[in-house]
Protein backbone atom coordinates (compact mmCIF):
# COMPACT_ATOMS: atom_id res chain seq x y z
CA MET A 1 58.49 43.76 -49.52
CA GLU A 2 61.37 41.29 -49.44
CA MET A 3 64.81 42.85 -49.05
CA THR A 4 67.68 42.03 -51.39
CA LYS A 5 70.83 40.65 -49.82
CA LYS A 6 72.54 44.01 -50.33
CA GLU A 7 69.82 45.55 -48.18
CA LEU A 8 70.01 42.86 -45.50
CA PRO A 9 72.23 43.84 -42.58
CA VAL A 10 75.45 41.90 -42.07
CA LYS A 11 74.73 39.62 -39.13
CA VAL A 12 77.46 37.05 -39.79
CA ILE A 13 81.19 37.52 -40.23
CA GLN A 14 82.74 34.37 -41.65
CA TYR A 15 86.43 33.52 -41.82
CA GLY A 16 86.77 31.05 -44.65
CA GLU A 17 85.28 30.83 -48.15
CA GLY A 18 86.12 27.19 -48.81
CA ASN A 19 83.86 24.31 -49.69
CA PHE A 20 82.91 23.23 -46.19
CA LEU A 21 81.54 26.51 -44.84
CA ARG A 22 79.72 27.22 -48.10
CA ALA A 23 78.04 23.77 -48.00
CA PHE A 24 77.34 23.90 -44.27
CA VAL A 25 77.02 27.25 -42.49
CA ASP A 26 76.05 29.38 -45.51
CA TRP A 27 73.55 26.73 -46.61
CA MET A 28 71.95 26.98 -43.15
CA ILE A 29 71.93 30.80 -43.16
CA ASP A 30 70.28 30.73 -46.58
CA ILE A 31 67.52 28.48 -45.22
CA LEU A 32 67.15 30.71 -42.13
CA ASN A 33 66.59 33.68 -44.42
CA GLU A 34 64.06 31.84 -46.57
CA LYS A 35 62.06 29.95 -43.95
CA GLY A 36 62.77 31.85 -40.75
CA ASP A 37 63.06 35.49 -39.78
CA PHE A 38 66.86 35.67 -39.57
CA ASN A 39 66.96 38.45 -42.19
CA GLY A 40 70.71 38.79 -42.26
CA SER A 41 73.59 38.44 -44.67
CA VAL A 42 77.10 37.03 -44.43
CA ALA A 43 80.36 38.91 -44.89
CA VAL A 44 83.05 36.43 -45.89
CA VAL A 45 86.71 37.06 -45.07
CA GLN A 46 89.45 35.17 -46.90
CA PRO A 47 91.78 33.88 -44.16
CA LEU A 48 94.73 33.05 -46.45
CA GLU A 49 96.40 35.14 -49.15
CA ASN A 50 95.30 32.78 -51.92
CA GLY A 51 91.62 31.93 -52.01
CA LEU A 52 88.29 32.20 -53.79
CA ILE A 53 87.20 35.73 -52.91
CA ASN A 54 87.76 37.05 -56.45
CA LEU A 55 85.60 34.27 -57.88
CA LEU A 56 82.88 34.97 -55.33
CA ASN A 57 82.83 38.65 -56.21
CA GLU A 58 82.72 37.84 -59.94
CA GLN A 59 79.52 35.85 -59.25
CA ASN A 60 77.87 38.49 -57.06
CA CYS A 61 78.76 36.21 -54.12
CA ASP A 62 76.20 33.63 -55.31
CA TYR A 63 76.84 29.95 -56.00
CA HIS A 64 74.98 26.63 -56.09
CA HIS A 65 74.99 23.85 -53.53
CA VAL A 66 74.35 20.28 -54.70
CA ARG A 67 72.99 17.97 -52.00
CA GLN A 68 73.13 14.24 -52.78
CA GLY A 69 72.51 11.16 -50.70
CA LEU A 70 69.85 9.00 -49.09
CA GLU A 71 67.07 10.19 -46.81
CA ASN A 72 64.57 7.68 -45.44
CA GLY A 73 65.83 5.20 -48.01
CA GLU A 74 65.11 7.52 -50.94
CA LYS A 75 67.66 9.17 -53.21
CA VAL A 76 68.03 12.92 -52.80
CA ASP A 77 69.66 14.98 -55.56
CA ASP A 78 68.77 18.65 -55.29
CA ILE A 79 70.37 21.98 -56.10
CA ARG A 80 69.97 25.21 -54.15
CA LYS A 81 71.21 28.65 -55.13
CA ILE A 82 72.90 30.19 -52.10
CA THR A 83 72.37 33.96 -51.99
CA CYS A 84 73.08 34.92 -48.37
CA ILE A 85 76.62 36.27 -48.85
CA SER A 86 76.62 40.04 -49.35
CA LYS A 87 80.32 40.83 -49.03
CA ALA A 88 83.50 38.93 -49.86
CA ILE A 89 86.68 40.55 -48.59
CA ASN A 90 90.33 39.78 -49.13
CA PRO A 91 91.94 41.47 -46.11
CA PHE A 92 95.41 41.09 -47.63
CA THR A 93 94.54 43.44 -50.50
CA ASP A 94 91.76 45.45 -48.85
CA THR A 95 92.64 45.73 -45.18
CA GLN A 96 90.39 48.73 -44.58
CA SER A 97 87.25 46.91 -45.72
CA TYR A 98 88.14 44.14 -43.30
CA PHE A 99 88.43 46.52 -40.35
CA ASP A 100 85.23 48.25 -41.44
CA LEU A 101 83.37 45.02 -40.63
CA ALA A 102 83.94 45.88 -36.98
CA THR A 103 81.50 48.78 -37.37
CA GLU A 104 78.61 46.69 -38.70
CA PRO A 105 75.89 47.58 -36.17
CA GLU A 106 73.87 44.34 -36.43
CA ALA A 107 76.77 41.87 -36.62
CA GLU A 108 76.19 39.13 -34.04
CA LEU A 109 77.85 35.89 -35.15
CA VAL A 110 81.33 34.84 -36.24
CA PHE A 111 81.93 31.49 -37.95
CA SER A 112 85.30 30.14 -39.04
CA ASN A 113 86.99 27.23 -40.71
CA THR A 114 90.68 28.02 -41.12
CA THR A 115 91.94 24.38 -40.95
CA GLU A 116 92.99 22.56 -37.81
CA ALA A 117 96.26 24.53 -37.78
CA GLY A 118 94.41 27.84 -37.99
CA ILE A 119 93.70 28.21 -34.28
CA ALA A 120 97.19 28.97 -33.03
CA PHE A 121 99.04 31.72 -31.19
CA ASP A 122 102.27 33.09 -32.63
CA GLU A 123 104.31 35.20 -30.22
CA ASN A 124 106.07 36.78 -33.20
CA ASP A 125 102.78 37.97 -34.69
CA LYS A 126 103.04 41.65 -33.76
CA PRO A 127 101.48 43.80 -36.52
CA ALA A 128 102.07 47.52 -36.68
CA ALA A 129 99.12 49.93 -36.59
CA GLY A 130 96.88 49.30 -39.58
CA GLN A 131 98.78 46.16 -40.51
CA LEU A 132 97.08 42.78 -40.68
CA ALA A 133 97.96 40.05 -38.18
CA VAL A 134 99.31 36.79 -39.55
CA THR A 135 97.17 34.22 -37.72
CA TYR A 136 93.40 33.87 -37.67
CA PRO A 137 93.18 34.44 -33.87
CA GLY A 138 95.34 37.54 -34.38
CA LYS A 139 93.04 38.88 -37.11
CA LEU A 140 90.00 38.13 -34.94
CA THR A 141 91.57 39.97 -32.00
CA GLN A 142 92.14 42.99 -34.24
CA LEU A 143 88.51 42.94 -35.39
CA LEU A 144 87.21 42.62 -31.84
CA LYS A 145 89.42 45.50 -30.64
CA ALA A 146 88.24 47.71 -33.50
CA ARG A 147 84.63 46.87 -32.59
CA PHE A 148 85.28 47.54 -28.90
CA ASP A 149 86.76 50.94 -29.75
CA HIS A 150 84.10 51.91 -32.31
CA PHE A 151 81.19 51.15 -29.97
CA HIS A 152 83.00 52.46 -26.89
CA GLY A 153 82.97 49.13 -25.09
CA ASP A 154 79.19 48.61 -25.41
CA HIS A 155 78.48 45.10 -24.11
CA ASP A 156 75.49 44.81 -26.45
CA LYS A 157 77.92 44.85 -29.39
CA GLY A 158 79.81 41.71 -28.41
CA LEU A 159 79.97 38.81 -30.86
CA ALA A 160 79.11 35.12 -30.51
CA ILE A 161 82.06 33.25 -32.01
CA ILE A 162 81.40 29.74 -33.37
CA PRO A 163 84.51 28.07 -34.79
CA CYS A 164 84.11 25.01 -37.03
CA GLU A 165 87.74 23.89 -37.06
CA LEU A 166 88.12 20.15 -36.41
CA ILE A 167 89.91 20.28 -33.08
CA GLU A 168 88.57 19.46 -29.64
CA GLN A 169 87.50 22.43 -27.53
CA ASN A 170 87.91 24.69 -30.55
CA GLY A 171 86.13 27.65 -28.97
CA THR A 172 88.02 27.38 -25.71
CA LYS A 173 91.33 27.24 -27.56
CA LEU A 174 90.40 30.15 -29.82
CA LYS A 175 89.54 32.31 -26.80
CA GLU A 176 92.86 31.37 -25.17
CA CYS A 177 94.68 32.55 -28.31
CA VAL A 178 92.74 35.82 -28.38
CA SER A 179 93.54 36.45 -24.71
CA GLN A 180 97.22 35.77 -25.38
CA TYR A 181 97.19 38.41 -28.12
CA VAL A 182 95.39 40.88 -25.84
CA SER A 183 98.17 40.39 -23.31
CA THR A 184 101.08 40.33 -25.77
CA TRP A 185 99.86 43.39 -27.62
CA GLY A 186 99.02 45.26 -24.39
CA LEU A 187 95.40 45.95 -25.37
CA GLY A 188 94.28 46.54 -21.80
CA ALA A 189 92.14 45.09 -19.03
CA ASP A 190 88.95 46.84 -20.19
CA PHE A 191 89.14 45.19 -23.59
CA GLN A 192 89.90 41.78 -22.05
CA ASN A 193 86.87 42.22 -19.79
CA TRP A 194 84.73 42.99 -22.86
CA VAL A 195 86.02 39.86 -24.61
CA ASP A 196 85.27 37.80 -21.49
CA HIS A 197 81.77 39.11 -20.83
CA ALA A 198 80.36 40.68 -24.00
CA CYS A 199 81.63 37.98 -26.38
CA SER A 200 81.16 34.22 -26.22
CA PHE A 201 83.19 31.38 -27.69
CA ALA A 202 81.33 28.13 -28.51
CA ASN A 203 82.84 24.67 -28.71
CA THR A 204 81.47 22.79 -31.70
CA LEU A 205 81.32 19.49 -33.53
CA VAL A 206 80.61 19.60 -37.26
CA ASP A 207 79.83 16.63 -39.47
CA ARG A 208 79.15 16.64 -43.19
CA ILE A 209 81.07 15.06 -46.07
CA VAL A 210 81.81 17.79 -48.61
CA PRO A 211 83.65 16.45 -51.68
CA GLY A 212 83.73 20.01 -53.03
CA TYR A 213 83.67 21.07 -56.66
CA PRO A 214 82.09 18.22 -58.67
CA LYS A 215 84.39 18.40 -61.69
CA ASP A 216 83.48 14.93 -62.97
CA GLU A 217 79.81 15.85 -63.36
CA ILE A 218 79.99 19.62 -63.72
CA ASP A 219 78.65 19.72 -67.29
CA SER A 220 75.44 17.89 -66.41
CA LEU A 221 75.03 19.95 -63.23
CA LEU A 222 75.49 23.25 -65.04
CA ALA A 223 72.87 22.11 -67.55
CA ARG A 224 70.48 21.68 -64.63
CA ILE A 225 71.53 24.97 -63.01
CA GLY A 226 71.09 26.95 -66.20
CA GLU A 227 73.80 29.56 -65.60
CA PRO A 228 77.60 29.64 -65.27
CA ASP A 229 79.00 28.84 -61.82
CA LYS A 230 82.65 28.20 -61.01
CA LEU A 231 81.90 27.68 -57.32
CA VAL A 232 79.41 24.81 -57.37
CA VAL A 233 79.89 22.83 -54.17
CA LYS A 234 78.65 19.30 -53.55
CA SER A 235 77.88 17.62 -50.22
CA GLU A 236 76.07 14.65 -48.80
CA THR A 237 72.56 15.14 -47.42
CA PHE A 238 73.54 14.37 -43.82
CA HIS A 239 74.59 17.24 -41.58
CA LEU A 240 75.18 17.61 -37.85
CA PHE A 241 76.15 20.78 -35.98
CA VAL A 242 76.56 20.38 -32.21
CA ILE A 243 77.12 23.64 -30.35
CA GLU A 244 78.17 23.96 -26.71
CA ALA A 245 77.45 27.60 -25.98
CA GLU A 246 75.66 30.16 -23.83
CA ASP A 247 71.87 30.22 -24.11
CA LYS A 248 71.87 33.50 -26.04
CA VAL A 249 73.65 31.85 -28.99
CA LYS A 250 70.61 29.64 -29.56
CA GLU A 251 68.54 32.79 -30.01
CA LEU A 252 71.04 34.36 -32.38
CA PHE A 253 71.31 31.24 -34.55
CA PRO A 254 67.91 29.47 -34.34
CA ALA A 255 68.69 26.83 -36.98
CA ASP A 256 67.38 24.05 -34.74
CA LYS A 257 63.86 25.46 -35.04
CA LEU A 258 63.71 24.87 -38.80
CA GLY A 259 64.33 21.13 -38.83
CA LEU A 260 68.07 21.43 -39.35
CA ASN A 261 70.20 18.95 -37.44
CA VAL A 262 71.64 21.58 -35.09
CA LYS A 263 71.89 20.74 -31.40
CA PHE A 264 72.62 23.19 -28.59
CA VAL A 265 74.05 21.23 -25.66
CA LYS A 266 75.68 21.75 -22.28
CA ASP A 267 78.43 19.21 -22.95
CA ILE A 268 79.71 18.33 -26.39
CA THR A 269 81.83 15.39 -25.19
CA PRO A 270 79.33 12.51 -25.65
CA TYR A 271 78.49 13.71 -29.16
CA ARG A 272 82.15 13.72 -30.11
CA THR A 273 82.50 10.23 -28.64
CA GLN A 274 79.47 9.09 -30.65
CA LYS A 275 80.90 10.43 -33.92
CA VAL A 276 84.40 9.07 -33.34
CA ARG A 277 83.17 5.63 -32.30
CA ILE A 278 80.28 5.04 -34.71
CA LEU A 279 81.25 6.91 -37.88
CA ASN A 280 85.04 6.93 -37.67
CA GLY A 281 85.29 3.68 -35.71
CA ALA A 282 83.12 1.80 -38.18
CA HIS A 283 85.18 3.19 -41.06
CA THR A 284 88.42 2.04 -39.44
CA SER A 285 86.98 -1.37 -38.55
CA MET A 286 85.58 -2.08 -42.01
CA VAL A 287 88.71 -1.14 -43.98
CA PRO A 288 90.80 -4.30 -43.39
CA ILE A 289 87.73 -6.52 -43.62
CA GLY A 290 86.58 -5.02 -46.92
CA LEU A 291 90.03 -4.92 -48.51
CA LEU A 292 90.85 -8.52 -47.61
CA TYR A 293 87.40 -9.52 -48.92
CA GLY A 294 88.30 -7.96 -52.27
CA LEU A 295 86.09 -4.87 -52.10
CA GLU A 296 87.12 -1.31 -52.98
CA THR A 297 84.60 1.11 -51.47
CA VAL A 298 82.59 1.78 -48.32
CA SER A 299 79.28 1.38 -50.18
CA GLU A 300 80.34 -2.00 -51.61
CA THR A 301 81.32 -3.18 -48.13
CA ILE A 302 78.04 -2.14 -46.52
CA GLU A 303 75.92 -3.49 -49.39
CA ASP A 304 77.61 -6.92 -49.61
CA GLN A 305 75.54 -9.63 -47.94
CA GLU A 306 78.34 -10.98 -45.74
CA THR A 307 80.46 -7.91 -44.98
CA GLY A 308 77.37 -5.71 -44.66
CA LYS A 309 75.82 -8.00 -42.07
CA LEU A 310 79.11 -8.09 -40.12
CA ILE A 311 79.50 -4.28 -40.11
CA HIS A 312 75.86 -3.80 -39.09
CA GLU A 313 76.36 -6.15 -36.14
CA LEU A 314 79.66 -4.51 -35.23
CA ILE A 315 77.99 -1.10 -35.10
CA TYR A 316 74.70 -1.96 -33.40
CA ASP A 317 75.81 -4.80 -31.11
CA GLU A 318 79.31 -3.69 -30.13
CA ILE A 319 79.75 0.08 -30.63
CA VAL A 320 76.31 1.53 -29.88
CA PRO A 321 75.99 -0.11 -26.41
CA THR A 322 79.13 1.74 -25.26
CA ILE A 323 77.64 5.21 -25.89
CA GLN A 324 75.37 7.12 -23.54
CA ILE A 325 73.86 10.50 -24.43
CA PRO A 326 71.15 11.93 -22.14
CA ASN A 327 67.70 11.77 -23.74
CA GLU A 328 69.06 10.49 -27.06
CA ASP A 329 69.39 7.09 -28.68
CA PRO A 330 72.76 6.49 -30.42
CA LYS A 331 70.97 4.03 -32.70
CA GLU A 332 69.50 7.01 -34.56
CA PHE A 333 72.99 8.31 -35.32
CA ALA A 334 73.99 4.78 -36.32
CA ASP A 335 71.03 4.61 -38.72
CA ALA A 336 72.21 7.86 -40.33
CA VAL A 337 75.76 6.52 -40.59
CA ILE A 338 74.56 3.41 -42.42
CA ALA A 339 72.65 5.61 -44.89
CA ARG A 340 75.80 7.69 -45.40
CA PHE A 341 77.83 4.54 -46.07
CA GLN A 342 75.24 3.55 -48.69
CA ASN A 343 75.33 6.94 -50.44
CA PRO A 344 75.42 6.08 -54.17
CA PHE A 345 76.70 9.54 -55.09
CA ILE A 346 80.00 9.35 -53.19
CA ARG A 347 82.74 6.83 -53.99
CA HIS A 348 84.67 6.47 -50.75
CA GLU A 349 87.72 4.29 -51.36
CA LEU A 350 88.70 1.88 -48.59
CA ILE A 351 92.37 2.21 -49.46
CA SER A 352 92.20 5.98 -48.90
CA ILE A 353 90.55 5.51 -45.50
CA SER A 354 93.31 3.01 -44.61
CA LEU A 355 95.80 5.87 -44.13
CA ASN A 356 97.42 5.56 -40.69
CA SER A 357 95.09 2.71 -39.68
CA ILE A 358 97.16 1.70 -36.64
CA ALA A 359 96.87 5.13 -34.99
CA LYS A 360 93.21 5.34 -36.03
CA PHE A 361 92.43 1.95 -34.46
CA LYS A 362 93.96 3.11 -31.18
CA VAL A 363 91.90 6.32 -31.05
CA ARG A 364 88.66 5.29 -32.76
CA VAL A 365 88.18 1.60 -31.92
CA LEU A 366 90.23 0.57 -28.89
CA PRO A 367 88.19 2.64 -26.37
CA THR A 368 85.00 0.94 -27.61
CA PHE A 369 86.72 -2.44 -27.38
CA LYS A 370 87.71 -1.86 -23.74
CA ASP A 371 84.36 -0.38 -22.70
CA TYR A 372 82.54 -3.35 -24.23
CA ILE A 373 84.69 -5.79 -22.23
CA ALA A 374 84.09 -3.79 -19.05
CA ALA A 375 80.32 -3.85 -19.60
CA LYS A 376 79.84 -7.36 -20.99
CA GLY A 377 82.73 -9.31 -19.50
CA GLU A 378 83.64 -10.75 -22.89
CA LEU A 379 85.49 -9.82 -26.05
CA PRO A 380 83.54 -8.05 -28.82
CA LYS A 381 83.98 -10.76 -31.44
CA ARG A 382 83.52 -8.61 -34.53
CA ILE A 383 85.95 -5.89 -33.42
CA THR A 384 88.37 -8.67 -32.46
CA PHE A 385 88.02 -10.07 -35.96
CA SER A 386 88.65 -6.61 -37.42
CA LEU A 387 91.85 -6.38 -35.36
CA ALA A 388 93.01 -9.72 -36.76
CA CYS A 389 92.22 -8.47 -40.27
CA LEU A 390 94.22 -5.31 -39.57
CA LEU A 391 97.30 -7.37 -38.69
CA LYS A 392 96.77 -9.53 -41.77
CA LEU A 393 96.39 -6.43 -43.96
CA TYR A 394 99.68 -4.96 -42.76
CA THR A 395 101.63 -8.22 -43.16
CA SER A 396 100.12 -9.45 -46.43
CA GLY A 397 102.28 -7.33 -48.71
CA GLU A 398 99.35 -7.13 -51.13
CA PHE A 399 98.28 -3.53 -50.52
CA ASN A 400 99.98 -0.18 -50.94
CA LEU A 401 99.41 1.03 -47.40
CA LYS A 402 100.37 4.49 -46.19
CA ASP A 403 101.41 4.81 -42.56
CA ASP A 404 104.28 5.98 -40.39
CA GLN A 405 107.39 4.35 -41.85
CA SER A 406 108.38 2.86 -38.51
CA ASN A 407 105.00 1.07 -38.37
CA LEU A 408 105.44 -0.31 -41.88
CA ASP A 409 109.01 -1.40 -41.05
CA PHE A 410 107.78 -3.21 -37.94
CA PHE A 411 105.25 -5.28 -39.88
CA GLU A 412 107.81 -6.00 -42.57
CA SER A 413 110.12 -7.40 -39.89
CA ILE A 414 107.54 -9.73 -38.33
CA LYS A 415 105.66 -11.00 -41.37
CA VAL A 416 108.08 -13.94 -41.72
CA LEU A 417 107.16 -15.23 -38.23
CA ASN A 418 104.62 -17.95 -37.54
CA SER A 419 101.16 -16.64 -36.72
CA LYS A 420 101.48 -17.14 -32.96
CA ASP A 421 104.68 -15.10 -32.67
CA LEU A 422 103.53 -12.52 -35.21
CA VAL A 423 100.28 -11.80 -33.38
CA PHE A 424 102.01 -11.74 -29.99
CA LYS A 425 104.63 -9.23 -31.17
CA ALA A 426 101.99 -7.01 -32.81
CA LEU A 427 99.58 -6.99 -29.87
CA SER A 428 102.35 -6.38 -27.34
CA ASN A 429 103.71 -3.37 -29.24
CA THR A 430 102.92 -0.58 -26.77
CA ASP A 431 104.01 2.05 -29.30
CA PHE A 432 100.97 1.07 -31.36
CA TRP A 433 98.27 0.78 -28.73
CA GLY A 434 99.57 2.66 -25.70
CA GLU A 435 99.42 -0.60 -23.75
CA ASP A 436 100.16 -4.31 -24.06
CA LEU A 437 97.05 -5.88 -25.58
CA THR A 438 98.25 -9.39 -24.81
CA ALA A 439 97.28 -8.63 -21.20
CA ILE A 440 93.60 -8.73 -22.19
CA ALA A 441 92.32 -12.19 -21.31
CA GLY A 442 91.67 -14.39 -24.34
CA LEU A 443 92.46 -11.75 -26.94
CA THR A 444 95.75 -13.16 -28.25
CA ASP A 445 94.30 -16.64 -28.81
CA GLN A 446 91.22 -15.31 -30.60
CA VAL A 447 93.27 -13.06 -32.86
CA ILE A 448 95.60 -15.97 -33.70
CA ASP A 449 92.60 -18.16 -34.57
CA HIS A 450 91.15 -15.48 -36.83
CA PHE A 451 94.53 -14.76 -38.39
CA ASP A 452 95.01 -18.43 -39.26
CA SER A 453 91.47 -18.68 -40.64
CA ILE A 454 92.00 -15.67 -42.90
CA SER A 455 95.20 -17.23 -44.18
CA SER A 456 93.71 -20.64 -44.95
CA SER A 457 90.09 -19.99 -45.97
CA ALA A 458 88.07 -17.75 -48.22
CA MET A 459 87.07 -14.52 -46.44
CA LYS A 460 83.40 -15.16 -47.20
CA GLU A 461 83.52 -18.42 -45.28
CA VAL A 462 85.47 -16.86 -42.40
CA ILE A 463 83.00 -14.00 -42.03
CA TYR A 464 80.03 -16.33 -42.25
CA ASN A 465 81.38 -18.23 -39.24
CA ILE A 466 82.03 -15.17 -37.04
């Protein structure tokens, strides 16, 4: 006989009730319950004073997930009722219920998404007995200490902690914060030893576009759902969860065995490089090209005959060759990225992606540019063209760009110069790139040529001749 979620033991403690975790981790847990033998429920903890816990409880902790996008060239538009959450706790108003989670005998996993600023240590965070800590790492330390005490230091009752915050080495940094609290609060060597050896902290990379509550189409979606739901959450079809963790975590969270795109790896670094270079790098590279061409969205840019061909070549011929992942082909990730760019259900505005494009180019594109030169002994012509378009974009005065004011002021000051001097001053600005790009053989002349072509010819003709 199938158990109801109230009868399922709490196996997951989750900090965060926002759109991302509900469209990512909870969606996976729901599938694990249906198709696997996970047989566990999720207890959700609201990490901030204001949140959605009341709404969750009003709906018996159920909600619907809308998954839309392209898979194998076919449109996907499906709705799943997520029923794996059994408890939703606001620790600010019900502190005791929060601490009671420490006594859940079958709890094994902790997931979190408390924003990039959530994983931080605050030396002034010193709660009195029974009082709630301010930071997420502080609250987690309190929960772990309560669990340690309740189970008398039993190493079989440790937790596998899997943060989803978008910072590098998120698990390592979270553990450092917990250890700082253990020391600051004087919780003892025995407890620190339990944290070190009974618990584990994974480093992760998460990837899924989650627009959130689909207010523009909610009426039609609710008609399909057939019941009220104030917590409908929409996401793309693509998902990637890369977890660098101890082997036991793979057993506790066997999502990879059910066809979900979850990878347990020894080193997360090449996967992060792949995402930053292919997905984020292609976004950053296409923005100035698409905007100067007169396009508005990512999908328009990838579908256009000229710009689409250029972006395809930039990705497959210039970015992909710079990435090496053992036993994997980055072209497969690139194929998925193209499908995501083509997603007809998401309108991704180029102008919104253009935010802070100078800093993004330095982090997302420049390493690829330099690795390509090192490997091929020549400039990547499409990335070079994108760089020229970036300079043209910032000096055209035709777009409402958002960037650091000093960057905008710099371009305002040089846009009156002739193209040769303008390009030289921009490429030699070490504050932008961390180095003088005019030192790269042939780059300045090529960028000047492209810059002049963009100024004097139609973009379609310029791109055709790249």
